[in-house]
Amino acid sequence: MTFDGVTGREAFTSNPRLRPAVRTTDSVRVVIVPDPGRDKGYRVLTAFPKNIRN
């Protein structure tokens, strides 16, 4: 899912020897897992900002 505004920042590099570049992000990744102990049967395992264009 993308948003109209910035959702956070991420640091990345294609080579571990290089200094990471930092950029703003416009998307969010959410990992939802089954959880029978919850009323609706699911819970959020993790969520973080990301870019879907790269």
PDB file of N, CA and C in Angstrom:
ATOM      1  N   MET A   1       0.840  -1.164   0.000  1.00  0.00           N
ATOM      2  CA  MET A   1       0.000   0.000   0.000  1.00  0.00           C
ATOM      3  C   MET A   1       0.888   1.229   0.000  1.00  0.00           C
ATOM      4  N   THR A   2       0.598   2.198  -0.846  1.00  0.00           N
ATOM      5  CA  THR A   2       1.328   3.459  -0.837  1.00  0.00           C
ATOM      6  C   THR A   2       0.447   4.550  -0.250  1.00  0.00           C
ATOM      7  N   PHE A   3       1.087   5.573   0.260  1.00  0.00           N
ATOM      8  CA  PHE A   3       0.405   6.688   0.893  1.00  0.00           C
ATOM      9  C   PHE A   3       0.778   7.978   0.182  1.00  0.00           C
ATOM     10  N   ASP A   4      -0.021   9.004   0.360  1.00  0.00           N
ATOM     11  CA  ASP A   4       0.261  10.299  -0.256  1.00  0.00           C
ATOM     12  C   ASP A   4       1.426  11.015   0.412  1.00  0.00           C
ATOM     13  N   GLY A   5       1.733  10.648   1.639  1.00  0.00           N
ATOM     14  CA  GLY A   5       2.815  11.301   2.369  1.00  0.00           C
ATOM     15  C   GLY A   5       3.911  10.331   2.756  1.00  0.00           C
ATOM     16  N   VAL A   6       4.896  10.855   3.439  1.00  0.00           N
ATOM     17  CA  VAL A   6       6.042  10.057   3.887  1.00  0.00           C
ATOM     18  C   VAL A   6       5.620   9.189   5.066  1.00  0.00           C
ATOM     19  N   THR A   7       6.006   7.905   5.036  1.00  0.00           N
ATOM     20  CA  THR A   7       5.685   6.986   6.126  1.00  0.00           C
ATOM     21  C   THR A   7       6.884   6.715   7.030  1.00  0.00           C
ATOM     22  N   GLY A   8       8.071   7.119   6.602  1.00  0.00           N
ATOM     23  CA  GLY A   8       9.263   6.895   7.414  1.00  0.00           C
ATOM     24  C   GLY A   8      10.517   7.089   6.584  1.00  0.00           C
ATOM     25  N   ARG A   9      11.628   6.540   7.085  1.00  0.00           N
ATOM     26  CA  ARG A   9      12.903   6.585   6.377  1.00  0.00           C
ATOM     27  C   ARG A   9      13.524   5.206   6.399  1.00  0.00           C
ATOM     28  N   GLU A  10      14.322   4.914   5.383  1.00  0.00           N
ATOM     29  CA  GLU A  10      15.036   3.645   5.341  1.00  0.00           C
ATOM     30  C   GLU A  10      16.475   3.882   4.921  1.00  0.00           C
ATOM     31  N   ALA A  11      17.355   3.024   5.384  1.00  0.00           N
ATOM     32  CA  ALA A  11      18.765   3.061   4.991  1.00  0.00           C
ATOM     33  C   ALA A  11      19.050   1.789   4.216  1.00  0.00           C
ATOM     34  N   PHE A  12      19.765   1.905   3.104  1.00  0.00           N
ATOM     35  CA  PHE A  12      20.037   0.733   2.278  1.00  0.00           C
ATOM     36  C   PHE A  12      21.374   0.881   1.572  1.00  0.00           C
ATOM     37  N   THR A  13      21.929  -0.239   1.171  1.00  0.00           N
ATOM     38  CA  THR A  13      23.145  -0.260   0.363  1.00  0.00           C
ATOM     39  C   THR A  13      23.163  -1.554  -0.446  1.00  0.00           C
ATOM     40  N   SER A  14      23.712  -1.489  -1.632  1.00  0.00           N
ATOM     41  CA  SER A  14      23.851  -2.695  -2.458  1.00  0.00           C
ATOM     42  C   SER A  14      25.168  -3.404  -2.178  1.00  0.00           C
ATOM     43  N   ASN A  15      26.041  -2.757  -1.414  1.00  0.00           N
ATOM     44  CA  ASN A  15      27.345  -3.314  -1.109  1.00  0.00           C
ATOM     45  C   ASN A  15      27.641  -3.038   0.366  1.00  0.00           C
ATOM     46  N   PRO A  16      27.877  -4.068   1.178  1.00  0.00           N
ATOM     47  CA  PRO A  16      28.113  -3.850   2.601  1.00  0.00           C
ATOM     48  C   PRO A  16      29.347  -3.000   2.914  1.00  0.00           C
ATOM     49  N   ARG A  17      30.214  -2.801   1.948  1.00  0.00           N
ATOM     50  CA  ARG A  17      31.406  -1.974   2.167  1.00  0.00           C
ATOM     51  C   ARG A  17      31.128  -0.490   1.941  1.00  0.00           C
ATOM     52  N   LEU A  18      29.991  -0.182   1.333  1.00  0.00           N
ATOM     53  CA  LEU A  18      29.631   1.206   1.071  1.00  0.00           C
ATOM     54  C   LEU A  18      28.781   1.769   2.202  1.00  0.00           C
ATOM     55  N   ARG A  19      28.825   3.070   2.349  1.00  0.00           N
ATOM     56  CA  ARG A  19      27.992   3.735   3.349  1.00  0.00           C
ATOM     57  C   ARG A  19      26.529   3.696   2.888  1.00  0.00           C
ATOM     58  N   PRO A  20      25.609   3.352   3.759  1.00  0.00           N
ATOM     59  CA  PRO A  20      24.205   3.277   3.357  1.00  0.00           C
ATOM     60  C   PRO A  20      23.646   4.648   2.976  1.00  0.00           C
ATOM     61  N   ALA A  21      22.749   4.649   2.020  1.00  0.00           N
ATOM     62  CA  ALA A  21      22.006   5.855   1.652  1.00  0.00           C
ATOM     63  C   ALA A  21      20.706   5.855   2.449  1.00  0.00           C
ATOM     64  N   VAL A  22      20.257   7.031   2.859  1.00  0.00           N
ATOM     65  CA  VAL A  22      19.009   7.155   3.602  1.00  0.00           C
ATOM     66  C   VAL A  22      18.012   7.885   2.719  1.00  0.00           C
ATOM     67  N   ARG A  23      16.789   7.358   2.642  1.00  0.00           N
ATOM     68  CA  ARG A  23      15.753   8.002   1.835  1.00  0.00           C
ATOM     69  C   ARG A  23      14.406   7.890   2.542  1.00  0.00           C
ATOM     70  N   THR A  24      13.494   8.745   2.152  1.00  0.00           N
ATOM     71  CA  THR A  24      12.147   8.680   2.709  1.00  0.00           C
ATOM     72  C   THR A  24      11.386   7.549   2.033  1.00  0.00           C
ATOM     73  N   THR A  25      10.361   7.072   2.701  1.00  0.00           N
ATOM     74  CA  THR A  25       9.549   5.984   2.168  1.00  0.00           C
ATOM     75  C   THR A  25       8.095   6.418   2.076  1.00  0.00           C
ATOM     76  N   ASP A  26       7.348   5.754   1.197  1.00  0.00           N
ATOM     77  CA  ASP A  26       5.943   6.103   1.003  1.00  0.00           C
ATOM     78  C   ASP A  26       5.027   4.881   1.111  1.00  0.00           C
ATOM     79  N   SER A  27       5.540   3.810   1.689  1.00  0.00           N
ATOM     80  CA  SER A  27       4.768   2.567   1.816  1.00  0.00           C
ATOM     81  C   SER A  27       5.018   1.954   3.195  1.00  0.00           C
ATOM     82  N   VAL A  28       4.224   0.969   3.518  1.00  0.00           N
ATOM     83  CA  VAL A  28       4.365   0.248   4.774  1.00  0.00           C
ATOM     84  C   VAL A  28       4.212  -1.242   4.503  1.00  0.00           C
ATOM     85  N   ARG A  29       5.050  -2.034   5.108  1.00  0.00           N
ATOM     86  CA  ARG A  29       4.901  -3.493   5.041  1.00  0.00           C
ATOM     87  C   ARG A  29       4.379  -3.949   6.386  1.00  0.00           C
ATOM     88  N   VAL A  30       3.317  -4.741   6.362  1.00  0.00           N
ATOM     89  CA  VAL A  30       2.721  -5.270   7.584  1.00  0.00           C
ATOM     90  C   VAL A  30       2.649  -6.782   7.448  1.00  0.00           C
ATOM     91  N   VAL A  31       3.156  -7.498   8.449  1.00  0.00           N
ATOM     92  CA  VAL A  31       3.089  -8.957   8.469  1.00  0.00           C
ATOM     93  C   VAL A  31       2.054  -9.350   9.528  1.00  0.00           C
ATOM     94  N   ILE A  32       0.987  -9.995   9.074  1.00  0.00           N
ATOM     95  CA  ILE A  32      -0.106 -10.423   9.948  1.00  0.00           C
ATOM     96  C   ILE A  32      -0.070 -11.941  10.052  1.00  0.00           C
ATOM     97  N   VAL A  33      -0.192 -12.456  11.268  1.00  0.00           N
ATOM     98  CA  VAL A  33      -0.127 -13.902  11.490  1.00  0.00           C
ATOM     99  C   VAL A  33      -1.371 -14.382  12.231  1.00  0.00           C
ATOM    100  N   PRO A  34      -1.759 -15.631  12.009  1.00  0.00           N
ATOM    101  CA  PRO A  34      -2.904 -16.179  12.750  1.00  0.00           C
ATOM    102  C   PRO A  34      -2.603 -16.226  14.251  1.00  0.00           C
ATOM    103  N   ASP A  35      -3.604 -15.915  15.053  1.00  0.00           N
ATOM    104  CA  ASP A  35      -3.465 -15.982  16.505  1.00  0.00           C
ATOM    105  C   ASP A  35      -4.824 -16.346  17.089  1.00  0.00           C
ATOM    106  N   PRO A  36      -5.058 -17.634  17.362  1.00  0.00           N
ATOM    107  CA  PRO A  36      -6.368 -18.065  17.870  1.00  0.00           C
ATOM    108  C   PRO A  36      -6.729 -17.443  19.212  1.00  0.00           C
ATOM    109  N   GLY A  37      -5.770 -16.893  19.928  1.00  0.00           N
ATOM    110  CA  GLY A  37      -6.044 -16.272  21.207  1.00  0.00           C
ATOM    111  C   GLY A  37      -6.620 -14.863  21.102  1.00  0.00           C
ATOM    112  N   ARG A  38      -6.666 -14.302  19.898  1.00  0.00           N
ATOM    113  CA  ARG A  38      -7.204 -12.950  19.689  1.00  0.00           C
ATOM    114  C   ARG A  38      -8.650 -13.024  19.230  1.00  0.00           C
ATOM    115  N   ASP A  39      -9.408 -11.982  19.534  1.00  0.00           N
ATOM    116  CA  ASP A  39     -10.835 -11.954  19.177  1.00  0.00           C
ATOM    117  C   ASP A  39     -11.072 -12.192  17.687  1.00  0.00           C
ATOM    118  N   LYS A  40     -10.273 -11.560  16.836  1.00  0.00           N
ATOM    119  CA  LYS A  40     -10.470 -11.685  15.387  1.00  0.00           C
ATOM    120  C   LYS A  40      -9.577 -12.748  14.763  1.00  0.00           C
ATOM    121  N   GLY A  41      -8.736 -13.407  15.562  1.00  0.00           N
ATOM    122  CA  GLY A  41      -7.939 -14.538  15.096  1.00  0.00           C
ATOM    123  C   GLY A  41      -6.609 -14.203  14.452  1.00  0.00           C
ATOM    124  N   TYR A  42      -6.212 -12.915  14.445  1.00  0.00           N
ATOM    125  CA  TYR A  42      -4.946 -12.501  13.841  1.00  0.00           C
ATOM    126  C   TYR A  42      -4.286 -11.448  14.711  1.00  0.00           C
ATOM    127  N   ARG A  43      -2.958 -11.267  14.484  1.00  0.00           N
ATOM    128  CA  ARG A  43      -2.231 -10.186  15.136  1.00  0.00           C
ATOM    129  C   ARG A  43      -1.124  -9.700  14.202  1.00  0.00           C
ATOM    130  N   VAL A  44      -0.663  -8.489  14.427  1.00  0.00           N
ATOM    131  CA  VAL A  44       0.431  -7.925  13.643  1.00  0.00           C
ATOM    132  C   VAL A  44       1.743  -8.425  14.234  1.00  0.00           C
ATOM    133  N   LEU A  45       2.520  -9.127  13.428  1.00  0.00           N
ATOM    134  CA  LEU A  45       3.831  -9.613  13.859  1.00  0.00           C
ATOM    135  C   LEU A  45       4.858  -8.488  13.803  1.00  0.00           C
ATOM    136  N   THR A  46       4.857  -7.734  12.700  1.00  0.00           N
ATOM    137  CA  THR A  46       5.763  -6.591  12.539  1.00  0.00           C
ATOM    138  C   THR A  46       5.195  -5.666  11.466  1.00  0.00           C
ATOM    139  N   ALA A  47       5.610  -4.432  11.513  1.00  0.00           N
ATOM    140  CA  ALA A  47       5.247  -3.437  10.497  1.00  0.00           C
ATOM    141  C   ALA A  47       6.378  -2.430  10.400  1.00  0.00           C
ATOM    142  N   PHE A  48       6.701  -2.016   9.167  1.00  0.00           N
ATOM    143  CA  PHE A  48       7.808  -1.076   8.985  1.00  0.00           C
ATOM    144  C   PHE A  48       7.664  -0.319   7.686  1.00  0.00           C
ATOM    145  N   PRO A  49       8.226   0.896   7.600  1.00  0.00           N
ATOM    146  CA  PRO A  49       8.175   1.665   6.358  1.00  0.00           C
ATOM    147  C   PRO A  49       9.081   1.046   5.307  1.00  0.00           C
ATOM    148  N   LYS A  50       8.713   1.200   4.033  1.00  0.00           N
ATOM    149  CA  LYS A  50       9.538   0.700   2.933  1.00  0.00           C
ATOM    150  C   LYS A  50       9.158   1.401   1.648  1.00  0.00           C
ATOM    151  N   ASN A  51       9.925   1.214   0.613  1.00  0.00           N
ATOM    152  CA  ASN A  51       9.624   1.720  -0.730  1.00  0.00           C
ATOM    153  C   ASN A  51       9.288   0.544  -1.626  1.00  0.00           C
ATOM    154  N   ILE A  52       8.162   0.602  -2.297  1.00  0.00           N
ATOM    155  CA  ILE A  52       7.825  -0.498  -3.214  1.00  0.00           C
ATOM    156  C   ILE A  52       8.421  -0.279  -4.592  1.00  0.00           C
ATOM    157  N   ARG A  53       8.863   0.923  -4.886  1.00  0.00           N
ATOM    158  CA  ARG A  53       9.413   1.209  -6.225  1.00  0.00           C
ATOM    159  C   ARG A  53      10.829   0.687  -6.389  1.00  0.00           C
ATOM    160  N   ASN A  54      11.512   0.321  -5.293  1.00  0.00           N
ATOM    161  CA  ASN A  54      12.889  -0.191  -5.380  1.00  0.00           C
ATOM    162  C   ASN A  54      13.013  -1.484  -4.628  1.00  0.00           C
TER     163      ASN A  54
END
